[in-house]
Amino acid sequence: MLSVYEGFFSGGARIVHSDVVLGLAEGGQSHQVLSIHGEVHREATRQRMEDDHCYRALTAGGVGVTSLGRSAGLVDGSLAANVFSGPELAETARSMAGADVILSLKEQPLALLNQGGLPRRPVVVCLHRSDPENQGPALEELKAAIADGTVAACVCCAESTRAAYEAAGIPGRLLHVIPNGVDLLRFRPDPAARLALRASLGIADRAPVVVFAARYAAMKNVPLLLRAARAWLAREGGGHVLMCGAGMTQGNAGLRADLADAFADAPSLTDRVHLLGVRHDMPAVYAAADVVALTSVSGEAAPLCLIEGMMCGAVPVTTDVGDSASIVEGLGFVTPPDPGVIALAWSAAAAGRTDLAPALEAARERFSRTRMIAAYATLLDEVYASHVGGQRVVAQHAVGDAVAPPAVPEDDAPQYALAGEPGLLQGPLLGDVLGLGVGLDAHHGGVGEEVADEL
C-alpha cells in the first residue's frame, strides 16, 4: 500500500490516517508514504516534515516516508499545485510501481495521481470533511479520477461526509463510512498527568479548565471561542482556557488581534488564556481539562478533538457541525454559535463532569482505534481482491460502518439539549439561557448563572 499525503502539517486528518497506516502495518500489511510537500507554511506556522509528530511516528514504526520536496505557502519558485516536473513524476511513478493499492489522504493528492503516464493502480480516497465544495479544485480532481476509473472506493470518516459528497455528485456506491477512532491506551483519564500538566501551567488542582484544540483557521471560528472565553472567565474567577494547535501562539498576529478584540474591555482576563501551540502530549492536555470545546462553523466531519478529549474524561461542548451532535450524544452539550450560551454550557459541563464520567467510560469501545483499523483492513482487502481479479470494485460497506445516527430534532425555538441520555438535563439545554440561565436537575446540582450584561 502507498499513501499519498499533500504534506505533513498539524491536523486531525493526518493524525487519523497516520494512525491507520501504523495499525495496518502492525497487522502485517506493507505500507509506504509519499508526501508531495517537504514543508508547509500554514496557520502562521512553518512546519517541516521531519519535525512532524506523525512523520516521526510512521518512521519509528518502520513505515518508509519519502517526499517530492515541495514547499507550500513559502516563496520558493515551485511549480503550481497541479503542475509537476519530470523528476517529480518519475519519483511518483517509482513509489506507485511497488504498490498494489494507493491511499489518497483527502482528495488534494489526486492533482498528482491524475497525471498522465503514471502506473494504473486502484485508488482509495480518504475523505475527512463535510464541505466538498470548499476544497478548491479538489472536488473536480476527485470526479475526474472517478470518471477515469481509478477510484475504487472512498472512505468517509462521518455520515455527514458521505451525505455531502453524494450530494456533490460522488456515486453513493463508492462511499463507505468508517468512523474515526483513537488509541484507548493513550487517551484515557490520567489523574497524575492531570495534576502535572496543571502544575506546569500554574493552574490550581480544582480550577475549571476548558481546552480548545484546533489549528488557527476560519472554519474553527476562533473569534467565537474567544468571545465565549471572555464571558466564561469573567464569571468563573478561577477558570482557565487552554488553546493548542498550529497558530495558537503569541507569534500569530491574527490570533493576537482576535484576543485584543474579544478582551478589549477586560484585557487582564487573558492572563488565564494559555496559548500552547502545537503539542505532542495531547493526552495529558486533555486529561488536565474539564471541558473540550469546539466552535467550528463549517467543514468538520468527525472532529478528533472531541473524541480524544472525551476519552480523557473532558466533557464535550460543540456547535452543531458535521457529525458532532451524534458523536457527543449522551456525553456532552450541543450549542448554537452564541458566546453567552457556549459560556454557560462550559459551566454546566464542568459542574456535571463527575456525573457524566460513567457515560464517557461506557462509550470508550465505540471510539476504539482497533475497530477503525479493522474496518479499513476489510475494505482494503476487498479492493485488493477485486483489483487482482480485474474487476471494477463495488464493495459493500466495510465491517464497522456507522449506522446512520438518529436525526437531531430541529426546532425554531433556541433550544439545545444535552445530547441523549434523558434525565441528565431536564428540558432543553440551557432552556432558560436566552433569558435567565442554566437549569440542571437536582442530580447535577443547580447552576443558575445569568448571562453577563456585557454580552
Protein backbone atom coordinates (compact mmCIF):
# COMPACT_ATOMS: atom_id res chain seq x y z
CA MET A 1 0.00 0.00 0.00
CA LEU A 2 1.15 3.53 -0.78
CA SER A 3 -0.40 6.52 0.99
CA VAL A 4 -0.03 9.88 -0.72
CA TYR A 5 -0.14 12.96 1.54
CA GLU A 6 -0.39 16.57 0.46
CA GLY A 7 2.07 17.23 3.26
CA PHE A 8 2.80 16.76 6.94
CA PHE A 9 1.17 19.52 8.96
CA SER A 10 -0.95 19.82 12.04
CA GLY A 11 -4.49 18.48 11.65
CA GLY A 12 -6.82 15.67 12.65
CA ALA A 13 -6.97 14.04 9.21
CA ARG A 14 -3.22 13.44 9.14
CA ILE A 15 -3.29 12.11 12.70
CA VAL A 16 -6.08 9.65 11.94
CA HIS A 17 -4.63 8.49 8.63
CA SER A 18 -1.13 8.04 10.03
CA ASP A 19 -2.57 6.01 12.90
CA VAL A 20 -4.47 3.85 10.40
CA VAL A 21 -1.29 3.26 8.38
CA LEU A 22 0.62 2.29 11.51
CA GLY A 23 -2.16 -0.05 12.62
CA LEU A 24 -2.36 -1.75 9.23
CA ALA A 25 1.42 -2.13 9.15
CA GLU A 26 1.31 -3.67 12.62
CA GLY A 27 -1.24 -6.12 11.24
CA GLY A 28 1.15 -7.34 8.54
CA GLN A 29 0.44 -5.12 5.54
CA SER A 30 3.33 -3.36 3.81
CA HIS A 31 2.91 0.43 3.74
CA GLN A 32 4.86 3.37 2.38
CA VAL A 33 4.07 7.10 2.36
CA LEU A 34 4.79 9.70 -0.32
CA SER A 35 4.40 13.36 0.67
CA ILE A 36 4.08 15.98 -2.05
CA HIS A 37 5.47 18.70 0.21
CA GLY A 38 8.51 18.56 2.43
CA GLU A 39 7.39 21.61 4.39
CA VAL A 40 4.38 23.88 4.56
CA HIS A 41 3.61 27.30 5.97
CA ARG A 42 0.09 27.27 7.40
CA GLU A 43 -1.70 28.89 10.34
CA ALA A 44 1.25 31.27 10.79
CA THR A 45 3.48 28.25 11.45
CA ARG A 46 6.32 26.82 9.37
CA GLN A 47 6.01 23.04 9.58
CA ARG A 48 8.84 20.80 8.34
CA MET A 49 8.04 17.19 7.55
CA GLU A 50 10.90 15.89 9.70
CA ASP A 51 9.61 17.80 12.74
CA ASP A 52 6.06 16.48 12.44
CA HIS A 53 4.82 14.04 15.09
CA CYS A 54 3.04 11.85 12.51
CA TYR A 55 6.18 11.62 10.37
CA ARG A 56 8.22 10.57 13.39
CA ALA A 57 5.63 8.01 14.47
CA LEU A 58 5.48 6.49 10.98
CA THR A 59 9.23 6.22 10.54
CA ALA A 60 9.67 4.88 14.07
CA GLY A 61 7.08 2.23 13.22
CA GLY A 62 9.02 1.09 10.16
CA VAL A 63 6.91 2.87 7.53
CA GLY A 64 9.08 4.44 4.84
CA VAL A 65 8.31 8.10 4.09
CA THR A 66 9.60 10.00 1.07
CA SER A 67 8.80 13.44 -0.29
CA LEU A 68 8.80 15.29 -3.59
CA GLY A 69 10.34 18.12 -1.60
CA ARG A 70 7.93 20.90 -2.45
CA SER A 71 7.31 23.84 -0.13
CA ALA A 72 3.74 25.08 0.21
CA GLY A 73 2.95 28.62 1.23
CA LEU A 74 6.62 29.64 1.00
CA VAL A 75 8.31 31.82 -1.62
CA ASP A 76 10.49 29.23 -3.31
CA GLY A 77 9.56 29.39 -7.01
CA SER A 78 7.95 25.94 -7.01
CA LEU A 79 5.56 24.83 -9.71
CA ALA A 80 1.81 25.33 -9.44
CA ALA A 81 -0.11 22.82 -7.32
CA ASN A 82 -1.43 20.92 -10.34
CA VAL A 83 1.75 21.05 -12.45
CA PHE A 84 4.55 18.58 -11.80
CA SER A 85 8.07 18.34 -13.17
CA GLY A 86 9.56 15.33 -14.88
CA PRO A 87 11.65 14.33 -11.85
CA GLU A 88 8.62 14.66 -9.58
CA LEU A 89 6.53 12.41 -11.82
CA ALA A 90 9.37 9.92 -12.07
CA GLU A 91 9.65 9.74 -8.27
CA THR A 92 5.88 9.30 -8.01
CA ALA A 93 5.92 6.53 -10.61
CA ARG A 94 8.67 4.69 -8.72
CA SER A 95 6.67 4.90 -5.49
CA MET A 96 3.47 3.73 -7.16
CA ALA A 97 5.12 0.86 -9.03
CA GLY A 98 5.70 -1.11 -5.85
CA ALA A 99 2.14 -0.71 -4.56
CA ASP A 100 -1.00 -2.76 -5.17
CA VAL A 101 -3.39 -0.11 -3.84
CA ILE A 102 -2.99 3.65 -3.41
CA LEU A 103 -4.50 5.58 -0.49
CA SER A 104 -5.03 9.30 -1.05
CA LEU A 105 -5.19 11.31 2.17
CA LYS A 106 -8.11 13.55 1.25
CA GLU A 107 -8.72 14.46 -2.38
CA GLN A 108 -5.94 17.04 -2.83
CA PRO A 109 -3.22 14.48 -3.79
CA LEU A 110 -5.36 13.49 -6.78
CA ALA A 111 -3.90 16.51 -8.58
CA LEU A 112 -0.72 14.40 -8.68
CA LEU A 113 -2.28 10.96 -9.08
CA ASN A 114 -4.38 12.14 -12.04
CA GLN A 115 -1.26 13.00 -14.07
CA GLY A 116 -0.88 11.02 -17.29
CA GLY A 117 1.72 8.30 -17.62
CA LEU A 118 1.68 7.10 -14.01
CA PRO A 119 1.12 3.40 -13.22
CA ARG A 120 -2.52 2.33 -13.08
CA ARG A 121 -3.44 1.35 -9.55
CA PRO A 122 -6.79 1.30 -7.73
CA VAL A 123 -7.08 4.38 -5.52
CA VAL A 124 -8.94 4.64 -2.23
CA VAL A 125 -9.62 8.27 -1.34
CA CYS A 126 -9.94 9.06 2.39
CA LEU A 127 -12.34 11.95 2.95
CA HIS A 128 -12.32 13.93 6.20
CA ARG A 129 -14.54 16.97 5.68
CA SER A 130 -18.20 17.77 5.15
CA ASP A 131 -17.83 20.67 2.69
CA PRO A 132 -16.55 19.27 -0.62
CA GLU A 133 -17.46 22.46 -2.47
CA ASN A 134 -14.99 24.45 -0.33
CA GLN A 135 -11.90 22.43 -1.26
CA GLY A 136 -10.83 24.47 -4.26
CA PRO A 137 -10.29 22.29 -7.36
CA ALA A 138 -10.06 19.11 -5.27
CA LEU A 139 -13.67 18.03 -5.87
CA GLU A 140 -13.17 18.25 -9.63
CA GLU A 141 -9.98 16.20 -9.33
CA LEU A 142 -11.97 13.56 -7.44
CA LYS A 143 -14.67 13.48 -10.10
CA ALA A 144 -12.03 13.22 -12.83
CA ALA A 145 -10.36 10.28 -11.08
CA ILE A 146 -13.73 8.55 -10.71
CA ALA A 147 -14.55 9.13 -14.39
CA ASP A 148 -11.14 7.70 -15.30
CA GLY A 149 -11.95 4.54 -13.35
CA THR A 150 -9.02 4.77 -10.94
CA VAL A 151 -11.04 5.41 -7.75
CA ALA A 152 -12.07 2.08 -6.26
CA ALA A 153 -13.63 3.45 -3.07
CA CYS A 154 -13.88 6.49 -0.83
CA VAL A 155 -13.62 6.24 2.95
CA CYS A 156 -15.78 8.79 4.76
CA CYS A 157 -14.96 9.41 8.41
CA ALA A 158 -18.53 10.57 9.12
CA GLU A 159 -22.09 10.23 7.91
CA SER A 160 -22.09 13.96 7.19
CA THR A 161 -19.14 13.38 4.85
CA ARG A 162 -20.95 10.65 2.94
CA ALA A 163 -24.08 12.78 2.61
CA ALA A 164 -22.18 15.87 1.49
CA TYR A 165 -20.10 14.10 -1.16
CA GLU A 166 -23.08 12.18 -2.51
CA ALA A 167 -24.99 15.46 -2.77
CA ALA A 168 -21.98 16.89 -4.64
CA GLY A 169 -22.23 14.16 -7.26
CA ILE A 170 -19.96 11.39 -6.00
CA PRO A 171 -21.61 7.97 -6.61
CA GLY A 172 -23.02 6.54 -3.39
CA ARG A 173 -21.71 3.05 -4.22
CA LEU A 174 -18.15 4.34 -3.72
CA LEU A 175 -18.74 5.97 -0.34
CA HIS A 176 -18.03 3.89 2.78
CA VAL A 177 -18.26 5.24 6.32
CA ILE A 178 -15.55 4.26 8.79
CA PRO A 179 -15.82 6.48 11.89
CA ASN A 180 -12.70 7.88 13.49
CA GLY A 181 -11.19 6.06 16.45
CA VAL A 182 -8.34 6.68 18.88
CA ASP A 183 -5.83 4.65 20.85
CA LEU A 184 -7.66 3.99 24.11
CA LEU A 185 -4.41 3.11 25.88
CA ARG A 186 -3.11 6.64 25.24
CA PHE A 187 -6.33 8.61 25.53
CA ARG A 188 -7.76 7.87 28.96
CA PRO A 189 -8.35 9.70 32.25
CA ASP A 190 -4.99 10.14 33.95
CA PRO A 191 -5.08 11.84 37.38
CA ALA A 192 -1.28 12.07 37.62
CA ALA A 193 -0.92 13.66 34.18
CA ARG A 194 -3.82 15.98 35.02
CA LEU A 195 -2.07 17.33 38.10
CA ALA A 196 1.34 17.55 36.44
CA LEU A 197 0.11 19.50 33.41
CA ARG A 198 -1.87 21.88 35.60
CA ALA A 199 1.13 22.42 37.88
CA SER A 200 3.33 23.23 34.88
CA LEU A 201 0.90 26.00 33.88
CA GLY A 202 0.27 27.31 37.38
CA ILE A 203 -3.35 26.12 37.43
CA ALA A 204 -4.92 25.05 40.74
CA ASP A 205 -5.88 21.39 41.08
CA ARG A 206 -9.63 22.07 41.34
CA ALA A 207 -9.88 25.03 38.94
CA PRO A 208 -12.28 24.56 35.99
CA VAL A 209 -10.35 24.22 32.72
CA VAL A 210 -11.56 24.36 29.10
CA VAL A 211 -9.34 23.10 26.28
CA PHE A 212 -9.66 24.20 22.65
CA ALA A 213 -7.53 22.03 20.36
CA ALA A 214 -7.60 23.35 16.80
CA ARG A 215 -5.46 24.94 14.16
CA TYR A 216 -5.91 28.66 13.55
CA ALA A 217 -8.31 28.53 10.61
CA ALA A 218 -11.52 30.35 9.67
CA MET A 219 -13.62 27.18 9.88
CA LYS A 220 -12.66 26.78 13.57
CA ASN A 221 -14.26 30.17 14.41
CA VAL A 222 -11.60 31.25 16.88
CA PRO A 223 -13.25 34.68 17.42
CA LEU A 224 -16.40 32.92 18.69
CA LEU A 225 -14.32 30.76 21.02
CA LEU A 226 -12.61 33.84 22.43
CA ARG A 227 -15.86 35.73 22.96
CA ALA A 228 -17.18 32.71 24.86
CA ALA A 229 -13.94 32.61 26.86
CA ARG A 230 -14.35 36.30 27.73
CA ALA A 231 -17.81 35.64 29.19
CA TRP A 232 -16.79 32.42 30.95
CA LEU A 233 -13.59 33.74 32.53
CA ALA A 234 -15.43 36.79 33.86
CA ARG A 235 -17.88 34.50 35.65
CA GLU A 236 -15.51 31.66 36.60
CA GLY A 237 -12.96 33.53 38.66
CA GLY A 238 -10.58 30.57 38.88
CA GLY A 239 -11.17 29.22 35.37
CA HIS A 240 -8.55 28.75 32.67
CA VAL A 241 -8.70 28.24 28.89
CA LEU A 242 -6.03 26.22 27.07
CA MET A 243 -5.60 26.81 23.33
CA CYS A 244 -3.36 24.44 21.40
CA GLY A 245 -2.69 23.71 17.75
CA ALA A 246 -0.90 25.30 14.81
CA GLY A 247 -1.07 29.09 15.08
CA MET A 248 -2.18 29.11 18.73
CA THR A 249 0.80 31.18 19.82
CA GLN A 250 1.63 34.81 20.56
CA GLY A 251 3.63 34.81 17.34
CA ASN A 252 0.41 34.70 15.31
CA ALA A 253 -0.62 38.30 14.57
CA GLY A 254 -4.14 37.21 13.64
CA LEU A 255 -4.67 35.50 16.98
CA ARG A 256 -3.27 38.49 18.85
CA ALA A 257 -5.78 40.71 17.07
CA ASP A 258 -8.63 38.31 17.92
CA LEU A 259 -7.62 38.31 21.58
CA ALA A 260 -7.41 42.09 21.69
CA ASP A 261 -10.86 42.39 20.15
CA ALA A 262 -12.57 39.80 22.36
CA PHE A 263 -10.98 41.05 25.60
CA ALA A 264 -10.89 44.77 24.76
CA ASP A 265 -12.84 45.72 27.89
CA ALA A 266 -11.10 43.23 30.19
CA PRO A 267 -7.53 42.54 28.98
CA SER A 268 -6.46 41.18 32.37
CA LEU A 269 -8.63 38.10 31.79
CA THR A 270 -6.20 36.95 29.10
CA ASP A 271 -3.79 36.05 31.92
CA ARG A 272 -5.89 32.88 32.21
CA VAL A 273 -5.79 32.10 28.47
CA HIS A 274 -2.84 29.79 27.78
CA LEU A 275 -1.53 29.68 24.19
CA LEU A 276 0.26 26.34 23.94
CA GLY A 277 0.85 25.98 20.19
CA VAL A 278 1.42 22.53 18.71
CA ARG A 279 1.69 19.94 21.48
CA HIS A 280 2.92 16.37 21.37
CA ASP A 281 1.42 15.46 24.75
CA MET A 282 -2.27 15.86 23.93
CA PRO A 283 -3.44 13.02 26.21
CA ALA A 284 -2.04 14.98 29.16
CA VAL A 285 -3.55 18.26 27.93
CA TYR A 286 -6.99 16.69 27.60
CA ALA A 287 -6.66 14.89 30.93
CA ALA A 288 -5.95 18.25 32.58
CA ALA A 289 -9.21 19.72 31.23
CA ASP A 290 -12.80 19.50 32.42
CA VAL A 291 -14.29 20.59 29.09
CA VAL A 292 -13.22 20.11 25.47
CA ALA A 293 -14.66 22.88 23.29
CA LEU A 294 -15.39 23.12 19.57
CA THR A 295 -16.83 26.26 17.95
CA SER A 296 -16.45 25.39 14.27
CA VAL A 297 -18.79 26.95 11.75
CA SER A 298 -18.26 24.54 8.82
CA GLY A 299 -16.16 21.78 7.33
CA GLU A 300 -15.98 19.45 10.31
CA ALA A 301 -16.89 15.80 9.84
CA ALA A 302 -15.92 13.73 12.91
CA PRO A 303 -13.76 16.14 14.94
CA LEU A 304 -10.88 14.25 16.50
CA CYS A 305 -10.54 16.74 19.36
CA LEU A 306 -14.00 15.82 20.68
CA ILE A 307 -13.21 12.09 20.65
CA GLU A 308 -9.74 12.42 22.17
CA GLY A 309 -10.97 14.86 24.82
CA MET A 310 -13.93 12.67 25.82
CA MET A 311 -11.77 9.59 26.12
CA CYS A 312 -9.55 11.52 28.57
CA GLY A 313 -12.56 12.49 30.68
CA ALA A 314 -13.30 16.00 29.38
CA VAL A 315 -16.96 16.82 28.69
CA PRO A 316 -17.53 17.96 25.09
CA VAL A 317 -19.30 21.21 24.24
CA THR A 318 -19.69 21.72 20.50
CA THR A 319 -21.54 23.63 17.85
CA ASP A 320 -23.77 21.53 15.59
CA VAL A 321 -21.41 20.89 12.69
CA GLY A 322 -20.71 17.66 10.80
CA ASP A 323 -21.31 14.59 12.97
CA SER A 324 -20.51 16.47 16.18
CA ALA A 325 -24.03 16.23 17.61
CA SER A 326 -24.20 12.46 17.13
CA ILE A 327 -20.65 11.99 18.45
CA VAL A 328 -21.45 13.71 21.77
CA GLU A 329 -24.94 12.23 22.09
CA GLY A 330 -25.45 11.29 25.73
CA LEU A 331 -21.98 12.56 26.59
CA GLY A 332 -21.97 16.33 26.26
CA PHE A 333 -23.57 19.52 25.04
CA VAL A 334 -24.56 20.97 21.67
CA THR A 335 -24.94 24.75 21.50
CA PRO A 336 -25.84 27.44 18.99
CA PRO A 337 -22.98 29.71 17.83
CA ASP A 338 -23.70 32.18 20.64
CA PRO A 339 -20.85 33.10 23.02
CA GLY A 340 -23.10 33.56 26.04
CA VAL A 341 -24.81 30.21 25.56
CA ILE A 342 -21.46 28.49 24.97
CA ALA A 343 -20.02 30.01 28.15
CA LEU A 344 -22.97 28.77 30.19
CA ALA A 345 -22.64 25.31 28.64
CA TRP A 346 -18.98 25.22 29.68
CA SER A 347 -20.03 25.92 33.26
CA ALA A 348 -22.73 23.23 33.12
CA ALA A 349 -20.28 20.74 31.59
CA ALA A 350 -17.60 21.39 34.21
CA ALA A 351 -20.18 21.09 37.00
CA GLY A 352 -21.54 17.83 35.57
CA ARG A 353 -18.20 16.20 34.75
CA THR A 354 -18.27 13.71 37.63
CA ASP A 355 -21.83 12.63 36.85
CA LEU A 356 -21.05 12.20 33.15
CA ALA A 357 -17.91 10.12 33.80
CA PRO A 358 -19.74 6.74 33.75
CA ALA A 359 -21.31 7.52 30.37
CA LEU A 360 -17.94 8.56 28.95
CA GLU A 361 -16.37 5.35 30.26
CA ALA A 362 -19.14 3.22 28.75
CA ALA A 363 -18.67 4.89 25.34
CA ARG A 364 -14.98 4.01 25.00
CA GLU A 365 -15.34 0.92 22.79
CA ARG A 366 -17.41 2.93 20.32
CA PHE A 367 -14.39 5.15 19.63
CA SER A 368 -11.78 2.39 19.53
CA ARG A 369 -8.78 2.58 17.19
CA THR A 370 -8.94 -1.22 16.89
CA ARG A 371 -12.46 -1.05 15.46
CA MET A 372 -11.43 1.65 12.99
CA ILE A 373 -8.35 -0.17 11.71
CA ALA A 374 -10.23 -3.47 11.32
CA ALA A 375 -12.80 -1.71 9.15
CA TYR A 376 -10.08 -0.15 6.96
CA ALA A 377 -8.40 -3.56 6.62
CA THR A 378 -11.65 -5.17 5.48
CA LEU A 379 -12.28 -2.54 2.82
CA LEU A 380 -8.70 -2.63 1.53
CA ASP A 381 -8.83 -6.43 1.33
CA GLU A 382 -11.95 -6.12 -0.83
CA VAL A 383 -10.31 -3.55 -3.09
CA TYR A 384 -7.18 -5.68 -3.43
CA ALA A 385 -9.17 -8.83 -4.21
CA SER A 386 -11.23 -7.05 -6.84
CA HIS A 387 -8.14 -5.49 -8.41
CA VAL A 388 -6.36 -8.82 -8.66
CA GLY A 389 -9.46 -10.31 -10.29
CA GLY A 390 -9.56 -7.48 -12.78
CA GLN A 391 -12.99 -6.37 -11.64
CA ARG A 392 -14.27 -2.88 -11.01
CA VAL A 393 -14.77 -2.54 -7.26
CA VAL A 394 -18.31 -2.16 -5.96
CA ALA A 395 -17.62 -3.23 -2.38
CA GLN A 396 -20.30 -3.26 0.28
CA HIS A 397 -19.80 -1.10 3.34
CA ALA A 398 -16.93 -2.35 5.42
CA VAL A 399 -17.30 -4.00 8.78
CA GLY A 400 -17.53 -1.21 11.31
CA ASP A 401 -19.51 1.15 9.09
CA ALA A 402 -21.53 3.54 11.14
CA VAL A 403 -25.29 3.20 11.28
CA ALA A 404 -26.84 6.49 10.29
CA PRO A 405 -27.32 8.47 13.51
CA PRO A 406 -30.83 9.46 14.50
CA ALA A 407 -31.84 12.83 13.16
CA VAL A 408 -31.23 15.71 15.53
CA PRO A 409 -34.61 17.38 16.05
CA GLU A 410 -34.88 20.85 14.64
CA ASP A 411 -36.86 23.49 16.43
CA ASP A 412 -37.37 27.10 15.57
CA ALA A 413 -37.03 27.94 19.24
CA PRO A 414 -33.48 28.45 20.57
CA GLN A 415 -33.41 25.15 22.47
CA TYR A 416 -30.38 22.91 22.58
CA ALA A 417 -30.36 19.76 24.69
CA LEU A 418 -27.65 17.76 26.32
CA ALA A 419 -27.44 15.10 23.64
CA GLY A 420 -29.23 11.85 24.51
CA GLU A 421 -29.49 10.24 27.96
CA PRO A 422 -32.82 11.58 29.19
CA GLY A 423 -32.63 12.75 32.75
CA LEU A 424 -29.14 14.22 32.59
CA LEU A 425 -30.77 17.52 31.85
CA GLN A 426 -34.44 18.25 32.26
CA GLY A 427 -35.82 20.14 29.29
CA PRO A 428 -33.70 21.86 26.63
CA LEU A 429 -30.05 22.56 27.25
CA LEU A 430 -29.85 25.97 28.83
CA GLY A 431 -33.59 26.19 28.24
CA ASP A 432 -33.56 29.40 30.19
CA VAL A 433 -30.25 30.57 28.77
CA LEU A 434 -31.51 33.21 26.43
CA GLY A 435 -33.45 34.57 29.35
CA LEU A 436 -32.05 33.75 32.76
CA GLY A 437 -29.57 30.88 32.74
CA VAL A 438 -28.97 27.16 33.05
CA GLY A 439 -31.42 24.80 34.69
CA LEU A 440 -29.92 21.49 35.82
CA ASP A 441 -31.86 18.84 37.67
CA ALA A 442 -31.21 18.03 41.31
CA HIS A 443 -28.93 15.14 40.33
CA HIS A 444 -26.44 17.60 38.87
CA GLY A 445 -26.90 20.43 41.30
CA GLY A 446 -28.13 23.80 40.20
CA VAL A 447 -26.19 26.19 38.08
CA GLY A 448 -28.22 29.33 37.86
CA GLU A 449 -25.77 31.81 36.41
CA GLU A 450 -27.12 34.74 34.46
CA VAL A 451 -25.78 35.78 31.10
CA ALA A 452 -23.35 38.63 31.66
CA ASP A 453 -24.84 42.01 30.79
CA GLU A 454 -21.92 42.89 28.60
CA LEU A 455 -22.80 40.08 26.16
